[in-house]
């Protein structure tokens, strides 16, 4: 048994330390036997959240992608021409990352703890 523990410690030193410390528990606040009821009871951070232009721009990798989003939202009337001009100016002068760090595909799931 000790040989197995030593092998485990060598392969996974941080995990072994975590397990041995006893500080690796998860607190359970409630128990529900019906999954549908449980899902409804869970509060979600982004339940009624609607992404804005900045959220979309933060998903871009290239200036061209950001420009396309600005044009699209301006054409649809979701942003004003004045705001679009300000966004384009910021994009040209400071780049696409000036709107914030890149949001990955599962950004909202990670932020919501899912």
PDB file of N, CA and C in Angstrom:
ATOM      1  N   UNK A   1       0.824  -1.196   0.000  1.00  0.00           N
ATOM      2  CA  UNK A   1       0.000   0.000   0.000  1.00  0.00           C
ATOM      3  C   UNK A   1       0.865   1.257   0.000  1.00  0.00           C
ATOM      4  N   UNK A   2       1.951   1.270   0.789  1.00  0.00           N
ATOM      5  CA  UNK A   2       2.834   2.427   0.835  1.00  0.00           C
ATOM      6  C   UNK A   2       3.513   2.664  -0.501  1.00  0.00           C
ATOM      7  N   UNK A   3       3.816   1.613  -1.223  1.00  0.00           N
ATOM      8  CA  UNK A   3       4.449   1.748  -2.536  1.00  0.00           C
ATOM      9  C   UNK A   3       3.504   2.471  -3.495  1.00  0.00           C
ATOM     10  N   UNK A   4       2.201   2.119  -3.439  1.00  0.00           N
ATOM     11  CA  UNK A   4       1.220   2.774  -4.287  1.00  0.00           C
ATOM     12  C   UNK A   4       1.097   4.254  -3.938  1.00  0.00           C
ATOM     13  N   UNK A   5       1.116   4.580  -2.649  1.00  0.00           N
ATOM     14  CA  UNK A   5       1.033   5.978  -2.221  1.00  0.00           C
ATOM     15  C   UNK A   5       2.242   6.772  -2.708  1.00  0.00           C
ATOM     16  N   UNK A   6       3.418   6.157  -2.598  1.00  0.00           N
ATOM     17  CA  UNK A   6       4.634   6.839  -3.048  1.00  0.00           C
ATOM     18  C   UNK A   6       4.605   7.069  -4.556  1.00  0.00           C
ATOM     19  N   UNK A   7       4.141   6.081  -5.293  1.00  0.00           N
ATOM     20  CA  UNK A   7       4.027   6.237  -6.752  1.00  0.00           C
ATOM     21  C   UNK A   7       3.063   7.363  -7.086  1.00  0.00           C
ATOM     22  N   UNK A   8       1.951   7.393  -6.372  1.00  0.00           N
ATOM     23  CA  UNK A   8       0.955   8.444  -6.581  1.00  0.00           C
ATOM     24  C   UNK A   8       1.550   9.818  -6.284  1.00  0.00           C
ATOM     25  N   UNK A   9       2.281   9.925  -5.159  1.00  0.00           N
ATOM     26  CA  UNK A   9       2.922  11.192  -4.781  1.00  0.00           C
ATOM     27  C   UNK A   9       3.916  11.661  -5.837  1.00  0.00           C
ATOM     28  N   UNK A  10       4.656  10.711  -6.413  1.00  0.00           N
ATOM     29  CA  UNK A  10       5.640  11.076  -7.438  1.00  0.00           C
ATOM     30  C   UNK A  10       4.956  11.542  -8.719  1.00  0.00           C
ATOM     31  N   UNK A  11       3.861  10.865  -9.085  1.00  0.00           N
ATOM     32  CA  UNK A  11       3.168  11.225 -10.322  1.00  0.00           C
ATOM     33  C   UNK A  11       2.327  12.495 -10.164  1.00  0.00           C
ATOM     34  N   UNK A  12       1.715  12.677  -8.991  1.00  0.00           N
ATOM     35  CA  UNK A  12       0.804  13.799  -8.752  1.00  0.00           C
ATOM     36  C   UNK A  12       1.110  14.465  -7.422  1.00  0.00           C
ATOM     37  N   UNK A  13       2.248  15.151  -7.316  1.00  0.00           N
ATOM     38  CA  UNK A  13       2.652  15.705  -6.026  1.00  0.00           C
ATOM     39  C   UNK A  13       1.667  16.737  -5.453  1.00  0.00           C
ATOM     40  N   UNK A  14       1.154  17.617  -6.285  1.00  0.00           N
ATOM     41  CA  UNK A  14       0.227  18.644  -5.785  1.00  0.00           C
ATOM     42  C   UNK A  14      -1.095  18.041  -5.349  1.00  0.00           C
ATOM     43  N   UNK A  15      -1.604  17.110  -6.123  1.00  0.00           N
ATOM     44  CA  UNK A  15      -2.861  16.453  -5.771  1.00  0.00           C
ATOM     45  C   UNK A  15      -2.711  15.644  -4.479  1.00  0.00           C
ATOM     46  N   UNK A  16      -1.596  14.948  -4.346  1.00  0.00           N
ATOM     47  CA  UNK A  16      -1.341  14.172  -3.126  1.00  0.00           C
ATOM     48  C   UNK A  16      -1.292  15.092  -1.909  1.00  0.00           C
ATOM     49  N   UNK A  17      -0.613  16.223  -2.051  1.00  0.00           N
ATOM     50  CA  UNK A  17      -0.526  17.183  -0.945  1.00  0.00           C
ATOM     51  C   UNK A  17      -1.910  17.714  -0.583  1.00  0.00           C
ATOM     52  N   UNK A  18      -2.713  18.014  -1.601  1.00  0.00           N
ATOM     53  CA  UNK A  18      -4.063  18.517  -1.378  1.00  0.00           C
ATOM     54  C   UNK A  18      -4.911  17.479  -0.632  1.00  0.00           C
ATOM     55  N   UNK A  19      -4.820  16.238  -1.054  1.00  0.00           N
ATOM     56  CA  UNK A  19      -5.612  15.174  -0.440  1.00  0.00           C
ATOM     57  C   UNK A  19      -5.183  14.908   0.999  1.00  0.00           C
ATOM     58  N   UNK A  20      -3.885  14.966   1.250  1.00  0.00           N
ATOM     59  CA  UNK A  20      -3.376  14.694   2.582  1.00  0.00           C
ATOM     60  C   UNK A  20      -3.643  15.833   3.554  1.00  0.00           C
ATOM     61  N   UNK A  21      -3.780  17.054   3.031  1.00  0.00           N
ATOM     62  CA  UNK A  21      -4.003  18.203   3.904  1.00  0.00           C
ATOM     63  C   UNK A  21      -5.418  18.222   4.483  1.00  0.00           C
ATOM     64  N   UNK A  22      -6.351  17.590   3.792  1.00  0.00           N
ATOM     65  CA  UNK A  22      -7.735  17.575   4.270  1.00  0.00           C
ATOM     66  C   UNK A  22      -8.512  18.829   3.920  1.00  0.00           C
ATOM     67  N   UNK A  23      -7.926  19.723   3.141  1.00  0.00           N
ATOM     68  CA  UNK A  23      -8.592  20.970   2.757  1.00  0.00           C
ATOM     69  C   UNK A  23      -9.200  20.885   1.361  1.00  0.00           C
ATOM     70  N   UNK A  24      -9.774  19.766   1.032  1.00  0.00           N
ATOM     71  CA  UNK A  24     -10.303  19.605  -0.320  1.00  0.00           C
ATOM     72  C   UNK A  24     -11.777  19.202  -0.296  1.00  0.00           C
ATOM     73  N   UNK A  25     -12.541  19.823   0.568  1.00  0.00           N
ATOM     74  CA  UNK A  25     -13.959  19.493   0.682  1.00  0.00           C
ATOM     75  C   UNK A  25     -14.826  20.418  -0.140  1.00  0.00           C
ATOM     76  N   UNK A  26     -16.038  19.974  -0.400  1.00  0.00           N
ATOM     77  CA  UNK A  26     -17.026  20.767  -1.106  1.00  0.00           C
ATOM     78  C   UNK A  26     -18.244  20.890  -0.206  1.00  0.00           C
ATOM     79  N   UNK A  27     -18.683  22.110   0.013  1.00  0.00           N
ATOM     80  CA  UNK A  27     -19.829  22.348   0.876  1.00  0.00           C
ATOM     81  C   UNK A  27     -21.120  22.109   0.094  1.00  0.00           C
ATOM     82  N   UNK A  28     -22.030  21.347   0.669  1.00  0.00           N
ATOM     83  CA  UNK A  28     -23.326  21.095   0.055  1.00  0.00           C
ATOM     84  C   UNK A  28     -24.373  21.877   0.836  1.00  0.00           C
ATOM     85  N   UNK A  29     -25.044  22.794   0.147  1.00  0.00           N
ATOM     86  CA  UNK A  29     -26.034  23.655   0.799  1.00  0.00           C
ATOM     87  C   UNK A  29     -27.414  23.025   0.877  1.00  0.00           C
ATOM     88  N   UNK A  30     -27.745  22.180  -0.091  1.00  0.00           N
ATOM     89  CA  UNK A  30     -29.066  21.561  -0.103  1.00  0.00           C
ATOM     90  C   UNK A  30     -29.051  20.333  -0.993  1.00  0.00           C
ATOM     91  N   UNK A  31     -30.081  19.528  -0.846  1.00  0.00           N
ATOM     92  CA  UNK A  31     -30.227  18.317  -1.646  1.00  0.00           C
ATOM     93  C   UNK A  31     -31.624  18.304  -2.228  1.00  0.00           C
ATOM     94  N   UNK A  32     -31.724  18.021  -3.526  1.00  0.00           N
ATOM     95  CA  UNK A  32     -33.035  17.922  -4.173  1.00  0.00           C
ATOM     96  C   UNK A  32     -33.099  16.594  -4.902  1.00  0.00           C
ATOM     97  N   UNK A  33     -34.213  15.914  -4.778  1.00  0.00           N
ATOM     98  CA  UNK A  33     -34.351  14.618  -5.447  1.00  0.00           C
ATOM     99  C   UNK A  33     -34.857  14.758  -6.870  1.00  0.00           C
ATOM    100  N   UNK A  34     -35.437  15.914  -7.216  1.00  0.00           N
ATOM    101  CA  UNK A  34     -35.939  16.142  -8.560  1.00  0.00           C
ATOM    102  C   UNK A  34     -34.997  17.099  -9.298  1.00  0.00           C
ATOM    103  N   UNK A  35     -34.286  16.626 -10.323  1.00  0.00           N
ATOM    104  CA  UNK A  35     -33.318  17.473 -11.032  1.00  0.00           C
ATOM    105  C   UNK A  35     -33.942  18.728 -11.654  1.00  0.00           C
ATOM    106  N   UNK A  36     -35.154  18.633 -12.169  1.00  0.00           N
ATOM    107  CA  UNK A  36     -35.791  19.797 -12.796  1.00  0.00           C
ATOM    108  C   UNK A  36     -36.015  20.912 -11.775  1.00  0.00           C
ATOM    109  N   UNK A  37     -36.467  20.553 -10.598  1.00  0.00           N
ATOM    110  CA  UNK A  37     -36.676  21.536  -9.529  1.00  0.00           C
ATOM    111  C   UNK A  37     -35.347  22.154  -9.113  1.00  0.00           C
ATOM    112  N   UNK A  38     -34.319  21.337  -9.037  1.00  0.00           N
ATOM    113  CA  UNK A  38     -32.993  21.821  -8.666  1.00  0.00           C
ATOM    114  C   UNK A  38     -32.446  22.808  -9.676  1.00  0.00           C
ATOM    115  N   UNK A  39     -32.633  22.516 -10.961  1.00  0.00           N
ATOM    116  CA  UNK A  39     -32.142  23.415 -12.012  1.00  0.00           C
ATOM    117  C   UNK A  39     -32.850  24.761 -11.958  1.00  0.00           C
ATOM    118  N   UNK A  40     -34.149  24.755 -11.682  1.00  0.00           N
ATOM    119  CA  UNK A  40     -34.901  26.008 -11.591  1.00  0.00           C
ATOM    120  C   UNK A  40     -34.462  26.832 -10.389  1.00  0.00           C
ATOM    121  N   UNK A  41     -34.066  26.165  -9.317  1.00  0.00           N
ATOM    122  CA  UNK A  41     -33.692  26.855  -8.086  1.00  0.00           C
ATOM    123  C   UNK A  41     -32.302  27.478  -8.145  1.00  0.00           C
ATOM    124  N   UNK A  42     -31.475  26.991  -9.038  1.00  0.00           N
ATOM    125  CA  UNK A  42     -30.110  27.496  -9.137  1.00  0.00           C
ATOM    126  C   UNK A  42     -30.137  28.906  -9.711  1.00  0.00           C
ATOM    127  N   UNK A  43     -29.470  29.822  -9.034  1.00  0.00           N
ATOM    128  CA  UNK A  43     -29.390  31.180  -9.565  1.00  0.00           C
ATOM    129  C   UNK A  43     -28.270  31.242 -10.587  1.00  0.00           C
ATOM    130  N   UNK A  44     -28.538  31.862 -11.675  1.00  0.00           N
ATOM    131  CA  UNK A  44     -27.545  31.987 -12.745  1.00  0.00           C
ATOM    132  C   UNK A  44     -27.194  33.457 -12.923  1.00  0.00           C
ATOM    133  N   UNK A  45     -25.940  33.726 -12.976  1.00  0.00           N
ATOM    134  CA  UNK A  45     -25.422  35.086 -13.070  1.00  0.00           C
ATOM    135  C   UNK A  45     -25.869  35.797 -14.359  1.00  0.00           C
ATOM    136  N   UNK A  46     -25.982  35.059 -15.448  1.00  0.00           N
ATOM    137  CA  UNK A  46     -26.258  35.670 -16.743  1.00  0.00           C
ATOM    138  C   UNK A  46     -27.651  35.326 -17.279  1.00  0.00           C
ATOM    139  N   UNK A  47     -28.596  35.040 -16.398  1.00  0.00           N
ATOM    140  CA  UNK A  47     -29.923  34.606 -16.825  1.00  0.00           C
ATOM    141  C   UNK A  47     -30.580  35.596 -17.786  1.00  0.00           C
ATOM    142  N   UNK A  48     -30.654  36.850 -17.449  1.00  0.00           N
ATOM    143  CA  UNK A  48     -31.315  37.840 -18.299  1.00  0.00           C
ATOM    144  C   UNK A  48     -30.290  38.768 -18.958  1.00  0.00           C
ATOM    145  N   UNK A  49     -29.069  38.326 -19.063  1.00  0.00           N
ATOM    146  CA  UNK A  49     -27.992  39.164 -19.592  1.00  0.00           C
ATOM    147  C   UNK A  49     -28.018  39.189 -21.111  1.00  0.00           C
ATOM    148  N   UNK A  50     -27.946  40.369 -21.686  1.00  0.00           N
ATOM    149  CA  UNK A  50     -27.849  40.529 -23.132  1.00  0.00           C
ATOM    150  C   UNK A  50     -26.490  41.127 -23.447  1.00  0.00           C
ATOM    151  N   UNK A  51     -25.673  40.412 -24.220  1.00  0.00           N
ATOM    152  CA  UNK A  51     -24.343  40.934 -24.563  1.00  0.00           C
ATOM    153  C   UNK A  51     -24.457  42.249 -25.344  1.00  0.00           C
ATOM    154  N   UNK A  52     -23.518  43.150 -25.102  1.00  0.00           N
ATOM    155  CA  UNK A  52     -23.495  44.406 -25.849  1.00  0.00           C
ATOM    156  C   UNK A  52     -22.350  44.379 -26.856  1.00  0.00           C
ATOM    157  N   UNK A  53     -22.142  45.474 -27.537  1.00  0.00           N
ATOM    158  CA  UNK A  53     -21.132  45.542 -28.595  1.00  0.00           C
ATOM    159  C   UNK A  53     -19.735  45.216 -28.061  1.00  0.00           C
ATOM    160  N   UNK A  54     -19.433  45.652 -26.859  1.00  0.00           N
ATOM    161  CA  UNK A  54     -18.114  45.388 -26.281  1.00  0.00           C
ATOM    162  C   UNK A  54     -17.920  43.888 -26.053  1.00  0.00           C
ATOM    163  N   UNK A  55     -18.972  43.205 -25.607  1.00  0.00           N
ATOM    164  CA  UNK A  55     -18.885  41.750 -25.430  1.00  0.00           C
ATOM    165  C   UNK A  55     -18.531  41.068 -26.752  1.00  0.00           C
ATOM    166  N   UNK A  56     -19.160  41.509 -27.829  1.00  0.00           N
ATOM    167  CA  UNK A  56     -18.881  40.929 -29.143  1.00  0.00           C
ATOM    168  C   UNK A  56     -17.468  41.266 -29.611  1.00  0.00           C
ATOM    169  N   UNK A  57     -17.044  42.499 -29.378  1.00  0.00           N
ATOM    170  CA  UNK A  57     -15.697  42.912 -29.795  1.00  0.00           C
ATOM    171  C   UNK A  57     -14.621  42.136 -29.038  1.00  0.00           C
ATOM    172  N   UNK A  58     -14.902  41.787 -27.798  1.00  0.00           N
ATOM    173  CA  UNK A  58     -13.916  41.052 -27.003  1.00  0.00           C
ATOM    174  C   UNK A  58     -13.736  39.618 -27.479  1.00  0.00           C
ATOM    175  N   UNK A  59     -14.605  39.137 -28.350  1.00  0.00           N
ATOM    176  CA  UNK A  59     -14.462  37.792 -28.922  1.00  0.00           C
ATOM    177  C   UNK A  59     -13.620  37.800 -30.196  1.00  0.00           C
ATOM    178  N   UNK A  60     -13.321  38.978 -30.706  1.00  0.00           N
ATOM    179  CA  UNK A  60     -12.579  39.102 -31.969  1.00  0.00           C
ATOM    180  C   UNK A  60     -11.090  38.828 -31.788  1.00  0.00           C
ATOM    181  N   UNK A  61     -10.509  38.270 -32.847  1.00  0.00           N
ATOM    182  CA  UNK A  61      -9.064  38.067 -32.894  1.00  0.00           C
ATOM    183  C   UNK A  61      -8.389  39.139 -33.746  1.00  0.00           C
ATOM    184  N   UNK A  62      -9.120  39.656 -34.724  1.00  0.00           N
ATOM    185  CA  UNK A  62      -8.537  40.593 -35.694  1.00  0.00           C
ATOM    186  C   UNK A  62      -9.348  41.879 -35.759  1.00  0.00           C
ATOM    187  N   UNK A  63      -8.672  42.940 -36.177  1.00  0.00           N
ATOM    188  CA  UNK A  63      -9.303  44.251 -36.346  1.00  0.00           C
ATOM    189  C   UNK A  63     -10.443  44.158 -37.357  1.00  0.00           C
ATOM    190  N   UNK A  64     -10.253  43.377 -38.405  1.00  0.00           N
ATOM    191  CA  UNK A  64     -11.270  43.237 -39.450  1.00  0.00           C
ATOM    192  C   UNK A  64     -12.568  42.649 -38.886  1.00  0.00           C
ATOM    193  N   UNK A  65     -12.442  41.685 -37.986  1.00  0.00           N
ATOM    194  CA  UNK A  65     -13.624  41.082 -37.370  1.00  0.00           C
ATOM    195  C   UNK A  65     -14.375  42.122 -36.535  1.00  0.00           C
ATOM    196  N   UNK A  66     -13.624  42.911 -35.780  1.00  0.00           N
ATOM    197  CA  UNK A  66     -14.231  43.943 -34.934  1.00  0.00           C
ATOM    198  C   UNK A  66     -14.935  44.988 -35.786  1.00  0.00           C
ATOM    199  N   UNK A  67     -14.315  45.388 -36.879  1.00  0.00           N
ATOM    200  CA  UNK A  67     -14.918  46.370 -37.791  1.00  0.00           C
ATOM    201  C   UNK A  67     -16.223  45.838 -38.374  1.00  0.00           C
ATOM    202  N   UNK A  68     -16.236  44.575 -38.711  1.00  0.00           N
ATOM    203  CA  UNK A  68     -17.445  43.943 -39.258  1.00  0.00           C
ATOM    204  C   UNK A  68     -18.583  43.965 -38.227  1.00  0.00           C
ATOM    205  N   UNK A  69     -18.265  43.695 -36.980  1.00  0.00           N
ATOM    206  CA  UNK A  69     -19.277  43.713 -35.915  1.00  0.00           C
ATOM    207  C   UNK A  69     -19.818  45.127 -35.723  1.00  0.00           C
ATOM    208  N   UNK A  70     -18.937  46.106 -35.703  1.00  0.00           N
ATOM    209  CA  UNK A  70     -19.363  47.500 -35.536  1.00  0.00           C
ATOM    210  C   UNK A  70     -20.294  47.901 -36.688  1.00  0.00           C
ATOM    211  N   UNK A  71     -19.919  47.578 -37.919  1.00  0.00           N
ATOM    212  CA  UNK A  71     -20.749  47.904 -39.087  1.00  0.00           C
ATOM    213  C   UNK A  71     -22.117  47.235 -39.001  1.00  0.00           C
ATOM    214  N   UNK A  72     -22.112  45.971 -38.628  1.00  0.00           N
ATOM    215  CA  UNK A  72     -23.359  45.206 -38.542  1.00  0.00           C
ATOM    216  C   UNK A  72     -24.308  45.806 -37.508  1.00  0.00           C
ATOM    217  N   UNK A  73     -23.799  46.087 -36.321  1.00  0.00           N
ATOM    218  CA  UNK A  73     -24.647  46.627 -35.257  1.00  0.00           C
ATOM    219  C   UNK A  73     -25.106  48.051 -35.577  1.00  0.00           C
ATOM    220  N   UNK A  74     -24.259  48.811 -36.249  1.00  0.00           N
ATOM    221  CA  UNK A  74     -24.645  50.161 -36.662  1.00  0.00           C
ATOM    222  C   UNK A  74     -25.749  50.088 -37.725  1.00  0.00           C
ATOM    223  N   UNK A  75     -25.602  49.205 -38.686  1.00  0.00           N
ATOM    224  CA  UNK A  75     -26.584  49.033 -39.756  1.00  0.00           C
ATOM    225  C   UNK A  75     -27.945  48.611 -39.198  1.00  0.00           C
ATOM    226  N   UNK A  76     -27.936  47.758 -38.181  1.00  0.00           N
ATOM    227  CA  UNK A  76     -29.178  47.283 -37.551  1.00  0.00           C
ATOM    228  C   UNK A  76     -29.779  48.315 -36.595  1.00  0.00           C
ATOM    229  N   UNK A  77     -29.048  49.378 -36.316  1.00  0.00           N
ATOM    230  CA  UNK A  77     -29.541  50.401 -35.410  1.00  0.00           C
ATOM    231  C   UNK A  77     -29.365  50.053 -33.941  1.00  0.00           C
ATOM    232  N   UNK A  78     -28.526  49.059 -33.667  1.00  0.00           N
ATOM    233  CA  UNK A  78     -28.301  48.657 -32.277  1.00  0.00           C
ATOM    234  C   UNK A  78     -27.280  49.553 -31.588  1.00  0.00           C
ATOM    235  N   UNK A  79     -26.473  50.247 -32.379  1.00  0.00           N
ATOM    236  CA  UNK A  79     -25.573  51.280 -31.856  1.00  0.00           C
ATOM    237  C   UNK A  79     -25.697  52.497 -32.772  1.00  0.00           C
ATOM    238  N   UNK A  80     -25.495  53.665 -32.201  1.00  0.00           N
ATOM    239  CA  UNK A  80     -25.604  54.902 -32.984  1.00  0.00           C
ATOM    240  C   UNK A  80     -24.364  55.088 -33.858  1.00  0.00           C
ATOM    241  N   UNK A  81     -24.503  55.924 -34.877  1.00  0.00           N
ATOM    242  CA  UNK A  81     -23.363  56.233 -35.751  1.00  0.00           C
ATOM    243  C   UNK A  81     -22.244  56.911 -34.978  1.00  0.00           C
ATOM    244  N   UNK A  82     -22.623  57.758 -34.018  1.00  0.00           N
ATOM    245  CA  UNK A  82     -21.621  58.454 -33.195  1.00  0.00           C
ATOM    246  C   UNK A  82     -20.830  57.448 -32.346  1.00  0.00           C
ATOM    247  N   UNK A  83     -21.546  56.505 -31.738  1.00  0.00           N
ATOM    248  CA  UNK A  83     -20.882  55.488 -30.922  1.00  0.00           C
ATOM    249  C   UNK A  83     -20.009  54.594 -31.806  1.00  0.00           C
ATOM    250  N   UNK A  84     -20.490  54.272 -32.985  1.00  0.00           N
ATOM    251  CA  UNK A  84     -19.716  53.455 -33.924  1.00  0.00           C
ATOM    252  C   UNK A  84     -18.416  54.170 -34.302  1.00  0.00           C
ATOM    253  N   UNK A  85     -18.497  55.482 -34.525  1.00  0.00           N
ATOM    254  CA  UNK A  85     -17.294  56.267 -34.845  1.00  0.00           C
ATOM    255  C   UNK A  85     -16.282  56.207 -33.709  1.00  0.00           C
ATOM    256  N   UNK A  86     -16.767  56.332 -32.458  1.00  0.00           N
ATOM    257  CA  UNK A  86     -15.877  56.263 -31.295  1.00  0.00           C
ATOM    258  C   UNK A  86     -15.218  54.882 -31.187  1.00  0.00           C
ATOM    259  N   UNK A  87     -16.012  53.841 -31.426  1.00  0.00           N
ATOM    260  CA  UNK A  87     -15.459  52.474 -31.373  1.00  0.00           C
ATOM    261  C   UNK A  87     -14.400  52.271 -32.451  1.00  0.00           C
ATOM    262  N   UNK A  88     -14.683  52.756 -33.660  1.00  0.00           N
ATOM    263  CA  UNK A  88     -13.715  52.617 -34.760  1.00  0.00           C
ATOM    264  C   UNK A  88     -12.416  53.370 -34.447  1.00  0.00           C
ATOM    265  N   UNK A  89     -12.563  54.544 -33.867  1.00  0.00           N
ATOM    266  CA  UNK A  89     -11.376  55.340 -33.514  1.00  0.00           C
ATOM    267  C   UNK A  89     -10.530  54.582 -32.484  1.00  0.00           C
ATOM    268  N   UNK A  90     -11.182  54.053 -31.448  1.00  0.00           N
ATOM    269  CA  UNK A  90     -10.463  53.280 -30.425  1.00  0.00           C
ATOM    270  C   UNK A  90      -9.817  52.045 -31.046  1.00  0.00           C
ATOM    271  N   UNK A  91     -10.547  51.380 -31.921  1.00  0.00           N
ATOM    272  CA  UNK A  91     -10.036  50.184 -32.587  1.00  0.00           C
ATOM    273  C   UNK A  91      -8.791  50.518 -33.407  1.00  0.00           C
ATOM    274  N   UNK A  92      -8.838  51.610 -34.155  1.00  0.00           N
ATOM    275  CA  UNK A  92      -7.716  52.019 -35.009  1.00  0.00           C
ATOM    276  C   UNK A  92      -6.496  52.446 -34.188  1.00  0.00           C
ATOM    277  N   UNK A  93      -6.744  53.215 -33.123  1.00  0.00           N
ATOM    278  CA  UNK A  93      -5.642  53.774 -32.339  1.00  0.00           C
ATOM    279  C   UNK A  93      -5.051  52.793 -31.330  1.00  0.00           C
ATOM    280  N   UNK A  94      -5.920  51.959 -30.716  1.00  0.00           N
ATOM    281  CA  UNK A  94      -5.443  51.119 -29.611  1.00  0.00           C
ATOM    282  C   UNK A  94      -5.539  49.625 -29.853  1.00  0.00           C
ATOM    283  N   UNK A  95      -6.266  49.219 -30.894  1.00  0.00           N
ATOM    284  CA  UNK A  95      -6.353  47.793 -31.211  1.00  0.00           C
ATOM    285  C   UNK A  95      -7.538  47.091 -30.572  1.00  0.00           C
ATOM    286  N   UNK A  96      -7.739  45.869 -31.001  1.00  0.00           N
ATOM    287  CA  UNK A  96      -8.903  45.098 -30.582  1.00  0.00           C
ATOM    288  C   UNK A  96      -8.874  44.733 -29.090  1.00  0.00           C
ATOM    289  N   UNK A  97      -7.681  44.538 -28.502  1.00  0.00           N
ATOM    290  CA  UNK A  97      -7.608  44.180 -27.079  1.00  0.00           C
ATOM    291  C   UNK A  97      -7.853  45.371 -26.163  1.00  0.00           C
ATOM    292  N   UNK A  98      -7.980  46.574 -26.727  1.00  0.00           N
ATOM    293  CA  UNK A  98      -8.276  47.737 -25.887  1.00  0.00           C
ATOM    294  C   UNK A  98      -9.692  47.679 -25.319  1.00  0.00           C
ATOM    295  N   UNK A  99     -10.532  46.808 -25.866  1.00  0.00           N
ATOM    296  CA  UNK A  99     -11.899  46.650 -25.370  1.00  0.00           C
ATOM    297  C   UNK A  99     -11.967  45.654 -24.215  1.00  0.00           C
ATOM    298  N   UNK A 100     -10.870  44.974 -23.952  1.00  0.00           N
ATOM    299  CA  UNK A 100     -10.812  44.007 -22.855  1.00  0.00           C
ATOM    300  C   UNK A 100     -10.168  42.717 -23.314  1.00  0.00           C
ATOM    301  N   UNK A 101      -9.916  41.847 -22.367  1.00  0.00           N
ATOM    302  CA  UNK A 101      -9.283  40.566 -22.696  1.00  0.00           C
ATOM    303  C   UNK A 101     -10.229  39.730 -23.556  1.00  0.00           C
ATOM    304  N   UNK A 102      -9.663  38.784 -24.270  1.00  0.00           N
ATOM    305  CA  UNK A 102     -10.446  37.952 -25.180  1.00  0.00           C
ATOM    306  C   UNK A 102     -11.396  37.051 -24.401  1.00  0.00           C
ATOM    307  N   UNK A 103     -12.655  37.024 -24.843  1.00  0.00           N
ATOM    308  CA  UNK A 103     -13.647  36.124 -24.268  1.00  0.00           C
ATOM    309  C   UNK A 103     -13.650  34.847 -25.089  1.00  0.00           C
ATOM    310  N   UNK A 104     -13.392  33.742 -24.448  1.00  0.00           N
ATOM    311  CA  UNK A 104     -13.378  32.452 -25.134  1.00  0.00           C
ATOM    312  C   UNK A 104     -14.809  31.941 -25.311  1.00  0.00           C
ATOM    313  N   UNK A 105     -14.966  30.848 -26.061  1.00  0.00           N
ATOM    314  CA  UNK A 105     -16.293  30.311 -26.373  1.00  0.00           C
ATOM    315  C   UNK A 105     -17.114  29.963 -25.135  1.00  0.00           C
ATOM    316  N   UNK A 106     -16.485  29.455 -24.094  1.00  0.00           N
ATOM    317  CA  UNK A 106     -17.231  29.045 -22.903  1.00  0.00           C
ATOM    318  C   UNK A 106     -17.128  30.072 -21.766  1.00  0.00           C
ATOM    319  N   UNK A 107     -16.907  31.313 -22.109  1.00  0.00           N
ATOM    320  CA  UNK A 107     -16.707  32.382 -21.121  1.00  0.00           C
ATOM    321  C   UNK A 107     -17.841  32.466 -20.108  1.00  0.00           C
ATOM    322  N   UNK A 108     -19.077  32.507 -20.593  1.00  0.00           N
ATOM    323  CA  UNK A 108     -20.214  32.690 -19.696  1.00  0.00           C
ATOM    324  C   UNK A 108     -20.449  31.465 -18.831  1.00  0.00           C
ATOM    325  N   UNK A 109     -20.184  30.280 -19.357  1.00  0.00           N
ATOM    326  CA  UNK A 109     -20.335  29.063 -18.560  1.00  0.00           C
ATOM    327  C   UNK A 109     -19.322  29.052 -17.413  1.00  0.00           C
ATOM    328  N   UNK A 110     -18.086  29.451 -17.716  1.00  0.00           N
ATOM    329  CA  UNK A 110     -17.054  29.496 -16.679  1.00  0.00           C
ATOM    330  C   UNK A 110     -17.384  30.546 -15.626  1.00  0.00           C
ATOM    331  N   UNK A 111     -17.864  31.710 -16.066  1.00  0.00           N
ATOM    332  CA  UNK A 111     -18.195  32.780 -15.132  1.00  0.00           C
ATOM    333  C   UNK A 111     -19.387  32.409 -14.257  1.00  0.00           C
ATOM    334  N   UNK A 112     -20.260  31.570 -14.796  1.00  0.00           N
ATOM    335  CA  UNK A 112     -21.457  31.165 -14.065  1.00  0.00           C
ATOM    336  C   UNK A 112     -21.191  29.937 -13.198  1.00  0.00           C
ATOM    337  N   UNK A 113     -19.964  29.412 -13.278  1.00  0.00           N
ATOM    338  CA  UNK A 113     -19.601  28.279 -12.452  1.00  0.00           C
ATOM    339  C   UNK A 113     -20.104  26.952 -12.968  1.00  0.00           C
ATOM    340  N   UNK A 114     -20.392  26.875 -14.249  1.00  0.00           N
ATOM    341  CA  UNK A 114     -20.890  25.624 -14.823  1.00  0.00           C
ATOM    342  C   UNK A 114     -19.796  24.855 -15.527  1.00  0.00           C
TER     343      UNK A 114
END
